[in-house]
Amino acid sequence: MKKSILEARLSSTPAPIRKSLLEAHDSLPAGAATVINRFFVIAASRGEPLDAPSASSFHYACASESTFRLLLRTLAAHAPQVSTAAALSVKADWVSKRPKGSAARNKTANRRPHVEFDITHWPASWQVFLVGLRSADITPKTLKRYVASISRCADVVSENGLSDDLSFLTGYEIAKVLTAQKKRLSPITIANYLNALGMLGRHGGADPDGLTGLAFVSQNQLCLSKGQEKKKFSRIDGLMARGAYTHIGRVIAQLREVAAHAPGHSFERTKALQSAAICAVALNMPARTGDMSRWVIGKELTRSITGEWSLNWFQEKTKKSTGAGKLWQEVAESLDEHILGGRPQRLTSLRYNECIGTNWLSLTNKAYQSKWPSLRFKEAVGIPLHDLRTLLADHMRRHTPETAANVIQTMLGHSSTGSGEAYRSDCEQDYASHAWAKIRKEVGKC
């Protein structure tokens, strides 16, 4: 495009951005100049700061998702000073307007080759249920794995004269037989077999109450894994070797760095800021993941006009209130960055007021699943969130054993001294003189 034509189309674009676009006139995608100029016209007409436009400006500037994506690419390349954080909600709206996944999945299912399985040894009711499992939204590889697991269960039922009802009793008997075999299967393998059986019943239309009982047996097998505690302590030992709290501090810094270099509208930035906030708050006060997933800004998490964040919440498990009080300054900084999402720092108080009443992680009225915070923490740090609670208790008993038992009960939210008896017995064996508040100096070095 000729520079003269391009310059005319960019008449309302700020001078520095217009200059960058003109210098790249030979490589600009078709429509880029028109949409970016329209965007700035709309933002100016709404009286919005050009470095922090609202979602409405992004919405009204684009009549299609392709145009919206073009605008974001153009801004990222030629106007990095313009925050695109507000475009995240518009991006989600466009994604939601795409053809529903079910239609696409149905097309995929229709094209899926029909693989024959030898299920003649299955109970008759299970063979009928397979029709429903075949139509489920699962890959051929997963279907094959499910069928293999179900076939193993069918062999056990046939060889031992068990009932073919998909229920607690059937699951219990299958697990009992598989555990007693000469070549004993691990609890997790048995759990996978029963899970496949549950999927068969769920998609085949089996009795829901019976399936609930079957799922209970499957879950119990996971809990029976003898290596579970070993794995837990192995994970904690691994974290200690990497520097424990110092390592978590480094992870938070890395996540904030990732967010700083990602576009404001990107899910990469959102995920990094969410993960950094989770790690920071957990470092200050490791709550249960279910409680953490439900916190609301302005209720459990509050921010003062001076920029201090406080945390107080009601524990779902113990039915007790717990307070962390004023959070550390480093945690407050991470929370500020999270709610800003790339917006200028001067808008922090305004943005906080906008977020009041929303879930602190999604920044919407919708909360994530209860295990989501722990999954994000594990992905970032390498251990589940609950392991950090164990590590905190260990630090407390080593630094202040004379008061640690009561402090642990308060900080970890145990409903009684009995709930923390395992921690209490350890506390009486070690000696030191520093409180958890002083340990913060160690954490602050990272």
Protein backbone atom coordinates (compact mmCIF):
# COMPACT_ATOMS: atom_id res chain seq x y z
CA MET A 1 0.00 0.00 0.00
CA LYS A 2 1.25 3.47 -0.83
CA LYS A 3 2.37 5.53 2.13
CA SER A 4 0.09 8.41 1.18
CA ILE A 5 -3.00 6.18 1.21
CA LEU A 6 -1.91 4.49 4.43
CA GLU A 7 -1.27 7.82 6.13
CA ALA A 8 -4.76 8.99 5.26
CA ARG A 9 -6.27 5.84 6.77
CA LEU A 10 -4.31 6.41 9.97
CA SER A 11 -5.43 9.99 10.50
CA SER A 12 -6.73 9.36 14.04
CA THR A 13 -3.91 7.05 15.12
CA PRO A 14 -1.42 8.47 17.69
CA ALA A 15 1.73 9.78 16.02
CA PRO A 16 4.28 7.26 17.41
CA ILE A 17 2.07 4.34 16.43
CA ARG A 18 1.31 5.85 13.04
CA LYS A 19 5.04 6.24 12.43
CA SER A 20 5.66 2.56 13.22
CA LEU A 21 2.86 1.49 10.88
CA LEU A 22 4.10 3.69 8.05
CA GLU A 23 7.59 2.24 8.35
CA ALA A 24 6.10 -1.22 7.89
CA HIS A 25 3.71 -0.25 5.08
CA ASP A 26 5.02 -2.95 2.75
CA SER A 27 4.28 -5.78 5.19
CA LEU A 28 1.06 -4.61 6.84
CA PRO A 29 -1.79 -7.14 6.50
CA ALA A 30 -4.84 -6.00 4.57
CA GLY A 31 -7.28 -4.20 6.84
CA ALA A 32 -4.79 -3.55 9.64
CA ALA A 33 -4.69 0.21 9.14
CA THR A 34 -8.47 0.52 8.97
CA VAL A 35 -9.21 -1.47 12.11
CA ILE A 36 -6.49 0.11 14.26
CA ASN A 37 -7.55 3.62 13.26
CA ARG A 38 -11.19 2.78 13.97
CA PHE A 39 -10.13 1.43 17.35
CA PHE A 40 -8.42 4.68 18.33
CA VAL A 41 -11.37 6.73 17.07
CA ILE A 42 -13.73 4.75 19.31
CA ALA A 43 -11.40 4.89 22.32
CA ALA A 44 -10.99 8.66 21.94
CA SER A 45 -14.74 9.21 21.56
CA ARG A 46 -15.28 7.33 24.82
CA GLY A 47 -12.67 9.43 26.60
CA GLU A 48 -10.51 6.44 27.46
CA PRO A 49 -6.75 6.60 28.11
CA LEU A 50 -5.01 5.16 25.09
CA ASP A 51 -2.71 3.05 27.26
CA ALA A 52 -5.68 1.45 29.04
CA PRO A 53 -8.70 1.20 26.71
CA SER A 54 -11.82 -0.61 27.86
CA ALA A 55 -13.30 -3.83 26.55
CA SER A 56 -16.00 -1.79 24.79
CA SER A 57 -13.45 -0.17 22.49
CA PHE A 58 -12.20 -3.58 21.38
CA HIS A 59 -15.77 -4.81 21.01
CA TYR A 60 -17.10 -1.95 18.87
CA ALA A 61 -13.99 -1.75 16.69
CA CYS A 62 -14.41 -5.26 15.29
CA ALA A 63 -17.35 -6.87 13.56
CA SER A 64 -15.77 -10.33 13.33
CA GLU A 65 -13.33 -12.49 15.24
CA SER A 66 -10.81 -12.40 12.41
CA THR A 67 -10.83 -8.59 12.49
CA PHE A 68 -10.48 -8.66 16.28
CA ARG A 69 -7.47 -10.98 16.03
CA LEU A 70 -5.95 -8.71 13.37
CA LEU A 71 -6.34 -5.72 15.70
CA LEU A 72 -4.58 -7.54 18.54
CA ARG A 73 -1.69 -8.61 16.32
CA THR A 74 -1.29 -5.10 14.97
CA LEU A 75 -1.32 -3.54 18.43
CA ALA A 76 1.21 -6.07 19.71
CA ALA A 77 3.56 -5.34 16.82
CA HIS A 78 3.23 -1.56 16.57
CA ALA A 79 1.65 -0.32 19.82
CA PRO A 80 3.03 -2.36 22.73
CA GLN A 81 2.34 0.60 25.02
CA VAL A 82 -1.40 0.02 24.60
CA SER A 83 -2.70 -2.42 27.22
CA THR A 84 -4.81 -5.18 25.72
CA ALA A 85 -5.80 -6.67 29.09
CA ALA A 86 -9.40 -5.54 28.65
CA ALA A 87 -9.57 -7.45 25.36
CA LEU A 88 -9.46 -10.74 27.24
CA SER A 89 -13.21 -10.74 27.92
CA VAL A 90 -13.92 -9.81 24.29
CA LYS A 91 -11.67 -12.65 23.19
CA ALA A 92 -13.68 -15.05 25.34
CA ASP A 93 -16.93 -13.75 23.83
CA TRP A 94 -15.70 -14.40 20.29
CA VAL A 95 -14.54 -17.89 21.25
CA SER A 96 -17.96 -18.64 22.77
CA LYS A 97 -19.64 -17.68 19.49
CA ARG A 98 -17.75 -20.31 17.52
CA PRO A 99 -19.70 -23.39 16.40
CA LYS A 100 -20.45 -25.47 19.45
CA GLY A 101 -18.02 -28.25 20.18
CA SER A 102 -20.75 -30.87 20.27
CA ALA A 103 -21.46 -30.38 16.58
CA ALA A 104 -17.79 -30.72 15.74
CA ARG A 105 -17.49 -33.74 17.99
CA ASN A 106 -20.50 -35.38 16.39
CA LYS A 107 -18.90 -34.94 12.98
CA THR A 108 -15.70 -36.48 14.33
CA ALA A 109 -17.67 -39.32 15.89
CA ASN A 110 -19.43 -39.97 12.60
CA ARG A 111 -16.07 -40.23 10.86
CA ARG A 112 -14.61 -42.43 13.59
CA PRO A 113 -13.91 -45.95 12.27
CA HIS A 114 -15.99 -48.65 13.90
CA VAL A 115 -13.56 -50.99 15.63
CA GLU A 116 -14.80 -54.44 16.52
CA PHE A 117 -13.97 -55.84 19.94
CA ASP A 118 -14.27 -59.38 21.23
CA ILE A 119 -16.76 -58.88 24.06
CA THR A 120 -18.49 -62.26 23.91
CA HIS A 121 -17.23 -63.04 27.41
CA TRP A 122 -18.78 -59.85 28.83
CA PRO A 123 -22.03 -60.01 30.81
CA ALA A 124 -25.00 -59.30 28.50
CA SER A 125 -25.81 -55.97 30.19
CA TRP A 126 -22.24 -54.76 29.73
CA GLN A 127 -22.38 -55.58 26.02
CA VAL A 128 -25.46 -53.36 25.70
CA PHE A 129 -23.73 -50.55 27.61
CA LEU A 130 -20.86 -50.58 25.11
CA VAL A 131 -23.11 -48.90 22.52
CA GLY A 132 -23.26 -45.80 24.72
CA LEU A 133 -19.54 -45.85 25.41
CA ARG A 134 -18.80 -46.01 21.68
CA SER A 135 -20.78 -42.79 21.11
CA ALA A 136 -18.98 -40.93 23.92
CA ASP A 137 -16.54 -38.13 23.17
CA ILE A 138 -13.40 -40.21 23.60
CA THR A 139 -10.56 -41.09 21.26
CA PRO A 140 -10.27 -44.55 19.67
CA LYS A 141 -7.14 -45.12 21.76
CA THR A 142 -9.00 -44.35 24.99
CA LEU A 143 -11.92 -46.55 23.94
CA LYS A 144 -9.51 -49.42 23.28
CA ARG A 145 -7.93 -48.95 26.72
CA TYR A 146 -11.35 -48.87 28.41
CA VAL A 147 -12.43 -52.05 26.63
CA ALA A 148 -9.24 -53.84 27.69
CA SER A 149 -9.81 -52.83 31.33
CA ILE A 150 -13.48 -53.81 31.22
CA SER A 151 -12.55 -57.16 29.68
CA ARG A 152 -10.26 -57.83 32.64
CA CYS A 153 -13.14 -57.07 35.01
CA ALA A 154 -15.44 -59.30 32.94
CA ASP A 155 -12.99 -62.18 33.34
CA VAL A 156 -13.02 -61.72 37.12
CA VAL A 157 -16.83 -61.63 37.20
CA SER A 158 -17.10 -64.76 35.06
CA GLU A 159 -14.39 -66.77 36.83
CA ASN A 160 -15.67 -65.98 40.33
CA GLY A 161 -19.42 -65.99 39.74
CA LEU A 162 -19.83 -62.35 40.72
CA SER A 163 -22.83 -60.15 40.02
CA ASP A 164 -22.72 -58.04 36.86
CA ASP A 165 -24.40 -55.08 38.59
CA LEU A 166 -22.25 -51.97 38.37
CA SER A 167 -22.33 -51.21 42.07
CA PHE A 168 -20.27 -50.92 45.23
CA LEU A 169 -20.43 -54.64 45.98
CA THR A 170 -19.33 -55.68 42.49
CA GLY A 171 -16.46 -53.19 42.55
CA TYR A 172 -15.43 -54.34 46.01
CA GLU A 173 -15.40 -58.02 44.98
CA ILE A 174 -13.44 -57.31 41.79
CA ALA A 175 -10.84 -55.32 43.74
CA LYS A 176 -10.64 -58.10 46.34
CA VAL A 177 -9.97 -60.77 43.70
CA LEU A 178 -7.37 -58.69 41.83
CA THR A 179 -5.58 -57.89 45.09
CA ALA A 180 -5.47 -61.54 46.17
CA GLN A 181 -4.05 -62.87 42.89
CA LYS A 182 -0.55 -64.28 42.79
CA LYS A 183 0.50 -61.49 40.48
CA ARG A 184 -0.95 -58.76 42.64
CA LEU A 185 -1.98 -55.62 40.84
CA SER A 186 -1.23 -52.19 42.26
CA PRO A 187 -4.14 -50.21 43.74
CA ILE A 188 -3.82 -47.59 41.03
CA THR A 189 -4.16 -50.25 38.30
CA ILE A 190 -7.26 -51.64 39.99
CA ALA A 191 -8.63 -48.11 40.26
CA ASN A 192 -8.13 -47.65 36.51
CA TYR A 193 -9.99 -50.91 35.79
CA LEU A 194 -12.93 -49.83 37.96
CA ASN A 195 -12.90 -46.35 36.46
CA ALA A 196 -13.26 -47.86 32.98
CA LEU A 197 -16.15 -49.94 34.26
CA GLY A 198 -17.72 -46.79 35.66
CA MET A 199 -17.36 -45.02 32.31
CA LEU A 200 -19.11 -47.96 30.64
CA GLY A 201 -22.05 -47.64 33.01
CA ARG A 202 -22.17 -43.86 32.90
CA HIS A 203 -22.43 -43.72 29.11
CA GLY A 204 -24.48 -46.90 28.87
CA GLY A 205 -27.20 -45.77 31.26
CA ALA A 206 -26.53 -47.88 34.36
CA ASP A 207 -28.10 -47.09 37.73
CA PRO A 208 -26.56 -43.81 39.04
CA ASP A 209 -26.64 -44.91 42.68
CA GLY A 210 -24.78 -48.09 41.84
CA LEU A 211 -22.19 -46.12 39.87
CA THR A 212 -21.65 -43.85 42.88
CA GLY A 213 -20.77 -46.91 44.96
CA LEU A 214 -18.45 -48.21 42.25
CA ALA A 215 -16.69 -44.84 42.09
CA PHE A 216 -16.20 -44.98 45.85
CA VAL A 217 -14.33 -48.27 45.55
CA SER A 218 -12.20 -46.86 42.74
CA GLN A 219 -11.30 -43.80 44.79
CA ASN A 220 -10.54 -45.96 47.80
CA GLN A 221 -8.05 -47.97 45.76
CA LEU A 222 -6.17 -44.77 45.00
CA CYS A 223 -6.01 -43.97 48.70
CA LEU A 224 -4.73 -47.46 49.51
CA SER A 225 -1.56 -46.96 47.55
CA LYS A 226 1.19 -47.82 50.03
CA GLY A 227 3.61 -45.55 48.27
CA GLN A 228 1.41 -42.49 48.73
CA GLU A 229 3.14 -41.19 51.86
CA LYS A 230 6.56 -42.07 50.45
CA LYS A 231 5.76 -40.06 47.35
CA LYS A 232 4.59 -37.16 49.48
CA PHE A 233 7.81 -37.00 51.49
CA SER A 234 9.84 -37.58 48.34
CA ARG A 235 8.17 -34.54 46.79
CA ILE A 236 8.86 -32.42 49.86
CA ASP A 237 12.49 -33.61 49.98
CA GLY A 238 12.81 -32.62 46.34
CA LEU A 239 11.47 -29.15 47.10
CA MET A 240 13.85 -28.80 50.04
CA ALA A 241 16.76 -29.73 47.78
CA ARG A 242 15.76 -26.96 45.38
CA GLY A 243 15.65 -24.38 48.15
CA ALA A 244 12.17 -24.79 49.65
CA TYR A 245 10.65 -21.34 50.14
CA THR A 246 13.46 -19.67 48.22
CA HIS A 247 12.62 -21.88 45.25
CA ILE A 248 8.95 -20.88 45.45
CA GLY A 249 10.05 -17.24 45.54
CA ARG A 250 12.10 -17.78 42.38
CA VAL A 251 9.14 -19.45 40.69
CA ILE A 252 6.93 -16.46 41.52
CA ALA A 253 9.54 -14.10 40.06
CA GLN A 254 9.75 -16.21 36.89
CA LEU A 255 5.97 -16.26 36.49
CA ARG A 256 5.80 -12.48 36.87
CA GLU A 257 8.54 -12.16 34.27
CA VAL A 258 6.61 -14.37 31.85
CA ALA A 259 3.52 -12.24 32.37
CA ALA A 260 5.45 -9.01 31.84
CA HIS A 261 6.54 -10.11 28.36
CA ALA A 262 3.20 -11.60 27.24
CA PRO A 263 0.43 -9.58 25.54
CA GLY A 264 -2.24 -8.31 27.92
CA HIS A 265 -4.98 -10.19 26.08
CA SER A 266 -3.14 -13.52 26.10
CA PHE A 267 -4.10 -16.52 28.19
CA GLU A 268 -0.37 -16.99 28.78
CA ARG A 269 -0.26 -13.74 30.77
CA THR A 270 -3.49 -14.56 32.60
CA LYS A 271 -2.26 -18.02 33.59
CA ALA A 272 1.13 -16.71 34.72
CA LEU A 273 -0.42 -13.99 36.88
CA GLN A 274 -2.94 -16.41 38.37
CA SER A 275 -0.21 -18.93 39.19
CA ALA A 276 2.03 -16.24 40.68
CA ALA A 277 -0.82 -15.00 42.88
CA ILE A 278 -1.64 -18.53 44.05
CA CYS A 279 2.00 -19.26 44.90
CA ALA A 280 2.45 -15.92 46.68
CA VAL A 281 -0.68 -16.23 48.82
CA ALA A 282 0.11 -19.88 49.60
CA LEU A 283 3.61 -18.89 50.69
CA ASN A 284 2.08 -16.37 53.11
CA MET A 285 -0.81 -18.59 54.28
CA PRO A 286 -1.27 -22.08 52.74
CA ALA A 287 -5.02 -22.61 52.71
CA ARG A 288 -6.91 -25.68 51.52
CA THR A 289 -7.34 -25.67 47.76
CA GLY A 290 -11.14 -25.86 47.97
CA ASP A 291 -11.31 -22.79 50.19
CA MET A 292 -8.81 -20.95 48.03
CA SER A 293 -10.83 -21.59 44.87
CA ARG A 294 -13.88 -19.82 46.33
CA TRP A 295 -12.42 -16.59 47.69
CA VAL A 296 -14.10 -13.39 46.53
CA ILE A 297 -12.44 -9.99 46.17
CA GLY A 298 -13.91 -7.53 48.64
CA LYS A 299 -15.04 -10.35 50.93
CA GLU A 300 -12.25 -12.78 51.83
CA LEU A 301 -9.55 -10.77 50.05
CA THR A 302 -9.66 -7.02 50.65
CA ARG A 303 -7.38 -4.15 49.66
CA SER A 304 -7.02 -0.92 51.60
CA ILE A 305 -6.67 2.51 50.00
CA THR A 306 -2.98 2.38 50.94
CA GLY A 307 -2.48 -0.80 48.91
CA GLU A 308 -2.39 -3.36 51.71
CA TRP A 309 -4.16 -6.69 51.09
CA SER A 310 -5.78 -8.71 53.89
CA LEU A 311 -7.14 -12.25 53.93
CA ASN A 312 -9.82 -13.74 56.18
CA TRP A 313 -12.05 -16.68 55.27
CA PHE A 314 -14.48 -19.31 56.52
CA GLN A 315 -13.17 -22.85 56.16
CA GLU A 316 -15.55 -25.23 54.45
CA LYS A 317 -14.04 -28.32 56.09
CA THR A 318 -13.84 -27.19 59.71
CA LYS A 319 -16.62 -24.58 59.66
CA LYS A 320 -14.26 -22.14 61.35
CA SER A 321 -13.05 -18.68 60.42
CA THR A 322 -9.34 -18.23 59.77
CA GLY A 323 -7.40 -15.06 59.21
CA ALA A 324 -4.02 -14.35 57.70
CA GLY A 325 -4.48 -10.68 58.46
CA LYS A 326 -2.41 -8.26 56.43
CA LEU A 327 -0.55 -10.12 53.69
CA TRP A 328 3.13 -9.56 53.02
CA GLN A 329 4.11 -6.67 50.77
CA GLU A 330 5.50 -9.04 48.13
CA VAL A 331 2.16 -10.87 48.07
CA ALA A 332 0.27 -7.60 47.73
CA GLU A 333 2.41 -6.67 44.71
CA SER A 334 1.61 -9.99 43.05
CA LEU A 335 -2.12 -9.54 43.70
CA ASP A 336 -2.00 -6.02 42.28
CA GLU A 337 -0.35 -7.31 39.10
CA HIS A 338 -2.94 -10.07 38.86
CA ILE A 339 -5.99 -7.80 38.96
CA LEU A 340 -4.33 -5.24 36.67
CA GLY A 341 -3.52 -7.85 34.04
CA GLY A 342 -1.15 -5.46 32.26
CA ARG A 343 -3.04 -2.23 32.83
CA PRO A 344 -1.07 0.81 34.07
CA GLN A 345 -0.24 0.70 37.78
CA ARG A 346 -2.04 4.01 38.40
CA LEU A 347 -5.33 2.20 37.81
CA THR A 348 -4.86 -0.33 40.63
CA SER A 349 -7.45 1.16 43.01
CA LEU A 350 -9.95 1.65 40.19
CA ARG A 351 -9.40 -1.90 38.98
CA TYR A 352 -9.82 -3.27 42.52
CA ASN A 353 -13.19 -1.55 42.81
CA GLU A 354 -14.21 -3.05 39.46
CA CYS A 355 -13.26 -6.53 40.69
CA ILE A 356 -15.14 -6.38 44.00
CA GLY A 357 -17.61 -9.26 44.13
CA THR A 358 -15.72 -11.41 41.62
CA ASN A 359 -13.77 -14.61 42.19
CA TRP A 360 -10.17 -13.67 42.96
CA LEU A 361 -8.71 -16.08 40.41
CA SER A 362 -11.07 -15.87 37.43
CA LEU A 363 -11.92 -12.18 38.08
CA THR A 364 -15.46 -13.08 37.03
CA ASN A 365 -18.53 -14.26 38.92
CA LYS A 366 -17.59 -17.86 38.16
CA ALA A 367 -15.16 -19.84 40.33
CA TYR A 368 -12.83 -22.57 39.10
CA GLN A 369 -13.07 -26.16 40.33
CA SER A 370 -11.93 -26.79 43.89
CA LYS A 371 -8.66 -28.50 42.93
CA TRP A 372 -7.69 -25.87 40.36
CA PRO A 373 -5.44 -23.80 42.68
CA SER A 374 -3.54 -26.93 43.74
CA LEU A 375 -3.09 -27.99 40.12
CA ARG A 376 -1.70 -24.57 39.19
CA PHE A 377 0.61 -24.62 42.21
CA LYS A 378 1.84 -28.12 41.39
CA GLU A 379 2.47 -27.18 37.76
CA ALA A 380 4.55 -24.20 38.88
CA VAL A 381 6.37 -25.53 41.95
CA GLY A 382 6.25 -29.31 41.52
CA ILE A 383 4.23 -30.30 44.60
CA PRO A 384 0.50 -30.20 45.44
CA LEU A 385 -0.70 -27.31 47.57
CA HIS A 386 -1.29 -29.57 50.58
CA ASP A 387 2.40 -30.50 50.71
CA LEU A 388 3.19 -26.85 51.42
CA ARG A 389 0.99 -27.06 54.52
CA THR A 390 3.12 -30.00 55.69
CA LEU A 391 6.29 -28.04 54.99
CA LEU A 392 5.00 -25.04 56.93
CA ALA A 393 4.26 -27.24 59.94
CA ASP A 394 7.79 -28.62 59.76
CA HIS A 395 9.28 -25.12 59.71
CA MET A 396 7.15 -24.07 62.67
CA ARG A 397 8.11 -27.04 64.84
CA ARG A 398 11.78 -26.50 64.05
CA HIS A 399 11.79 -22.78 64.75
CA THR A 400 9.28 -22.41 67.61
CA PRO A 401 8.52 -25.86 69.09
CA GLU A 402 7.30 -24.41 72.39
CA THR A 403 4.36 -22.67 70.68
CA ALA A 404 4.28 -24.35 67.28
CA ALA A 405 1.46 -26.79 68.01
CA ASN A 406 -1.03 -24.04 68.73
CA VAL A 407 0.27 -21.85 65.91
CA ILE A 408 0.00 -24.74 63.45
CA GLN A 409 -3.54 -25.42 64.59
CA THR A 410 -4.43 -21.79 63.90
CA MET A 411 -2.54 -21.35 60.64
CA LEU A 412 -3.52 -24.67 59.07
CA GLY A 413 -7.08 -24.45 60.31
CA HIS A 414 -7.31 -27.69 62.29
CA SER A 415 -10.68 -27.88 64.01
CA SER A 416 -9.12 -29.22 67.23
CA THR A 417 -5.78 -29.96 68.80
CA GLY A 418 -6.45 -33.62 68.07
CA SER A 419 -6.57 -32.91 64.33
CA GLY A 420 -2.95 -31.81 64.47
CA GLU A 421 -1.71 -34.43 66.92
CA ALA A 422 0.85 -35.76 64.45
CA TYR A 423 2.32 -32.29 64.17
CA ARG A 424 2.10 -31.74 67.94
CA SER A 425 4.17 -34.82 68.82
CA ASP A 426 6.96 -33.65 66.53
CA CYS A 427 6.89 -30.15 68.02
CA GLU A 428 7.96 -31.45 71.43
CA GLN A 429 11.19 -32.90 70.07
CA ASP A 430 12.92 -29.93 68.43
CA TYR A 431 14.22 -26.65 69.79
CA ALA A 432 14.71 -23.18 68.23
CA SER A 433 13.66 -19.60 68.87
CA HIS A 434 12.26 -17.89 65.77
CA ALA A 435 8.57 -17.47 64.88
CA TRP A 436 7.03 -17.88 61.46
CA ALA A 437 6.82 -14.10 61.07
CA LYS A 438 10.60 -13.93 61.35
CA ILE A 439 11.00 -16.73 58.83
CA ARG A 440 9.57 -14.27 56.33
CA LYS A 441 13.00 -12.64 56.22
CA GLU A 442 14.35 -15.89 54.82
CA VAL A 443 11.55 -16.00 52.26
CA GLY A 444 12.07 -12.35 51.37
CA LYS A 445 15.62 -12.99 50.21
CA CYS A 446 14.35 -14.61 47.01
